[in-house]
Amino acid sequence: MNNKIFEWAGVITAILYSLFVALNIGIEFFGFCLLLLSAILIGIWAYRGGHKGILLEIIDYQV
């Protein structure tokens, strides 16, 4: 699978998370699930692409 898919899917889910939380319409839990998915997708992209700095940041953010 192409690494760009993981990268852009992670970015889009993070943007959706921000919108859902900012709209304050009661779907914050779904937004936080999207944030977790975003971190996983960007973590996969970082691991597969050798971006060790980003991978370390994602791991640190999750802990």
N, C-alpha and C. Protein backbone atom coordinates (compact mmCIF):
# COMPACT_ATOMS: atom_id res chain seq x y z
N MET A 1 0.85 -1.18 0.00
CA MET A 1 0.00 0.00 0.00
C MET A 1 0.89 1.24 0.00
N ASN A 2 0.49 2.23 -0.71
CA ASN A 2 1.26 3.45 -0.86
C ASN A 2 1.29 4.24 0.46
N ASN A 3 2.46 4.75 0.81
CA ASN A 3 2.60 5.52 2.05
C ASN A 3 1.80 6.81 2.03
N LYS A 4 1.58 7.38 0.86
CA LYS A 4 0.81 8.63 0.78
C LYS A 4 -0.61 8.44 1.29
N ILE A 5 -1.15 7.23 1.12
CA ILE A 5 -2.51 6.96 1.60
C ILE A 5 -2.56 7.08 3.12
N PHE A 6 -1.57 6.51 3.81
CA PHE A 6 -1.52 6.61 5.27
C PHE A 6 -1.34 8.06 5.71
N GLU A 7 -0.46 8.75 5.02
CA GLU A 7 -0.19 10.15 5.38
C GLU A 7 -1.44 11.01 5.24
N TRP A 8 -2.09 10.97 4.10
CA TRP A 8 -3.24 11.83 3.86
C TRP A 8 -4.47 11.39 4.64
N ALA A 9 -4.64 10.10 4.84
CA ALA A 9 -5.77 9.63 5.66
C ALA A 9 -5.59 10.10 7.10
N GLY A 10 -4.35 10.09 7.60
CA GLY A 10 -4.08 10.60 8.94
C GLY A 10 -4.34 12.09 9.06
N VAL A 11 -3.97 12.82 8.05
CA VAL A 11 -4.19 14.27 8.06
C VAL A 11 -5.68 14.60 8.00
N ILE A 12 -6.40 13.91 7.14
CA ILE A 12 -7.84 14.18 6.98
C ILE A 12 -8.60 13.82 8.25
N THR A 13 -8.26 12.69 8.88
CA THR A 13 -8.95 12.33 10.12
C THR A 13 -8.63 13.31 11.25
N ALA A 14 -7.41 13.85 11.27
CA ALA A 14 -7.07 14.86 12.28
C ALA A 14 -7.86 16.15 12.06
N ILE A 15 -8.05 16.54 10.80
CA ILE A 15 -8.84 17.73 10.49
C ILE A 15 -10.29 17.53 10.89
N LEU A 16 -10.83 16.34 10.58
CA LEU A 16 -12.21 16.04 10.96
C LEU A 16 -12.38 16.06 12.48
N TYR A 17 -11.38 15.52 13.19
CA TYR A 17 -11.42 15.58 14.67
C TYR A 17 -11.54 17.03 15.13
N SER A 18 -10.72 17.90 14.58
CA SER A 18 -10.74 19.30 14.99
C SER A 18 -12.09 19.95 14.71
N LEU A 19 -12.66 19.65 13.56
CA LEU A 19 -13.96 20.22 13.21
C LEU A 19 -15.07 19.71 14.14
N PHE A 20 -15.06 18.41 14.42
CA PHE A 20 -16.11 17.84 15.27
C PHE A 20 -16.05 18.41 16.69
N VAL A 21 -14.87 18.58 17.22
CA VAL A 21 -14.74 19.13 18.57
C VAL A 21 -15.10 20.62 18.57
N ALA A 22 -14.68 21.34 17.54
CA ALA A 22 -14.95 22.78 17.48
C ALA A 22 -16.43 23.08 17.28
N LEU A 23 -17.13 22.21 16.56
CA LEU A 23 -18.56 22.44 16.32
C LEU A 23 -19.40 22.28 17.59
N ASN A 24 -18.89 21.51 18.55
CA ASN A 24 -19.56 21.34 19.85
C ASN A 24 -21.00 20.86 19.68
N ILE A 25 -21.17 19.79 18.90
CA ILE A 25 -22.51 19.27 18.64
C ILE A 25 -22.74 17.90 19.30
N GLY A 26 -21.88 17.54 20.24
CA GLY A 26 -22.08 16.33 21.00
C GLY A 26 -21.44 15.07 20.43
N ILE A 27 -20.56 15.21 19.46
CA ILE A 27 -19.90 14.03 18.90
C ILE A 27 -18.40 14.07 19.19
N GLU A 28 -18.07 14.58 20.36
CA GLU A 28 -16.66 14.69 20.73
C GLU A 28 -16.01 13.32 20.86
N PHE A 29 -16.75 12.32 21.36
CA PHE A 29 -16.16 10.99 21.50
C PHE A 29 -15.78 10.44 20.13
N PHE A 30 -16.64 10.61 19.15
CA PHE A 30 -16.32 10.18 17.79
C PHE A 30 -15.10 10.93 17.27
N GLY A 31 -15.01 12.22 17.60
CA GLY A 31 -13.86 13.02 17.21
C GLY A 31 -12.57 12.49 17.81
N PHE A 32 -12.61 12.13 19.08
CA PHE A 32 -11.40 11.59 19.72
C PHE A 32 -11.03 10.23 19.15
N CYS A 33 -12.01 9.45 18.74
CA CYS A 33 -11.72 8.18 18.05
C CYS A 33 -11.00 8.45 16.73
N LEU A 34 -11.44 9.52 16.04
CA LEU A 34 -10.75 9.91 14.81
C LEU A 34 -9.33 10.36 15.08
N LEU A 35 -9.11 11.03 16.20
CA LEU A 35 -7.77 11.47 16.56
C LEU A 35 -6.86 10.27 16.81
N LEU A 36 -7.38 9.26 17.48
CA LEU A 36 -6.60 8.04 17.70
C LEU A 36 -6.29 7.35 16.37
N LEU A 37 -7.28 7.27 15.49
CA LEU A 37 -7.06 6.68 14.18
C LEU A 37 -6.01 7.48 13.40
N SER A 38 -6.08 8.80 13.51
CA SER A 38 -5.10 9.65 12.84
C SER A 38 -3.69 9.37 13.33
N ALA A 39 -3.53 9.23 14.63
CA ALA A 39 -2.21 8.95 15.19
C ALA A 39 -1.69 7.59 14.71
N ILE A 40 -2.58 6.61 14.63
CA ILE A 40 -2.17 5.29 14.15
C ILE A 40 -1.75 5.35 12.69
N LEU A 41 -2.55 6.03 11.87
CA LEU A 41 -2.22 6.12 10.45
C LEU A 41 -0.91 6.87 10.20
N ILE A 42 -0.72 7.98 10.90
CA ILE A 42 0.52 8.74 10.74
C ILE A 42 1.70 7.95 11.31
N GLY A 43 1.46 7.19 12.37
CA GLY A 43 2.51 6.32 12.91
C GLY A 43 2.93 5.25 11.91
N ILE A 44 1.97 4.65 11.23
CA ILE A 44 2.29 3.66 10.19
C ILE A 44 3.09 4.31 9.07
N TRP A 45 2.65 5.50 8.65
CA TRP A 45 3.35 6.23 7.60
C TRP A 45 4.79 6.53 8.02
N ALA A 46 4.97 6.97 9.26
CA ALA A 46 6.31 7.31 9.75
C ALA A 46 7.19 6.07 9.84
N TYR A 47 6.64 4.97 10.32
CA TYR A 47 7.41 3.73 10.45
C TYR A 47 7.83 3.20 9.08
N ARG A 48 6.89 3.17 8.16
CA ARG A 48 7.19 2.62 6.83
C ARG A 48 8.09 3.54 6.03
N GLY A 49 8.03 4.84 6.28
CA GLY A 49 8.83 5.79 5.52
C GLY A 49 10.15 6.14 6.17
N GLY A 50 10.42 5.61 7.36
CA GLY A 50 11.68 5.89 8.04
C GLY A 50 11.75 7.27 8.66
N HIS A 51 10.61 7.86 8.98
CA HIS A 51 10.58 9.19 9.61
C HIS A 51 10.61 9.00 11.12
N LYS A 52 11.79 8.79 11.65
CA LYS A 52 11.95 8.42 13.06
C LYS A 52 11.53 9.54 14.02
N GLY A 53 11.75 10.77 13.64
CA GLY A 53 11.36 11.89 14.50
C GLY A 53 9.85 11.97 14.67
N ILE A 54 9.12 11.82 13.60
CA ILE A 54 7.66 11.84 13.66
C ILE A 54 7.15 10.64 14.42
N LEU A 55 7.75 9.47 14.18
CA LEU A 55 7.33 8.25 14.88
C LEU A 55 7.53 8.41 16.39
N LEU A 56 8.65 8.97 16.79
CA LEU A 56 8.91 9.20 18.22
C LEU A 56 7.88 10.16 18.80
N GLU A 57 7.53 11.19 18.06
CA GLU A 57 6.54 12.15 18.52
C GLU A 57 5.17 11.49 18.68
N ILE A 58 4.78 10.65 17.74
CA ILE A 58 3.49 9.95 17.81
C ILE A 58 3.47 9.02 19.02
N ILE A 59 4.54 8.28 19.23
CA ILE A 59 4.60 7.35 20.36
C ILE A 59 4.56 8.14 21.68
N ASP A 60 5.28 9.24 21.76
CA ASP A 60 5.30 10.07 22.96
C ASP A 60 3.91 10.67 23.22
N TYR A 61 3.22 11.06 22.16
CA TYR A 61 1.89 11.65 22.28
C TYR A 61 0.89 10.64 22.81
N GLN A 62 1.00 9.40 22.40
CA GLN A 62 0.06 8.37 22.81
C GLN A 62 0.29 7.89 24.24
N VAL A 63 1.50 8.05 24.74
CA VAL A 63 1.82 7.57 26.09
C VAL A 63 1.51 8.68 27.04
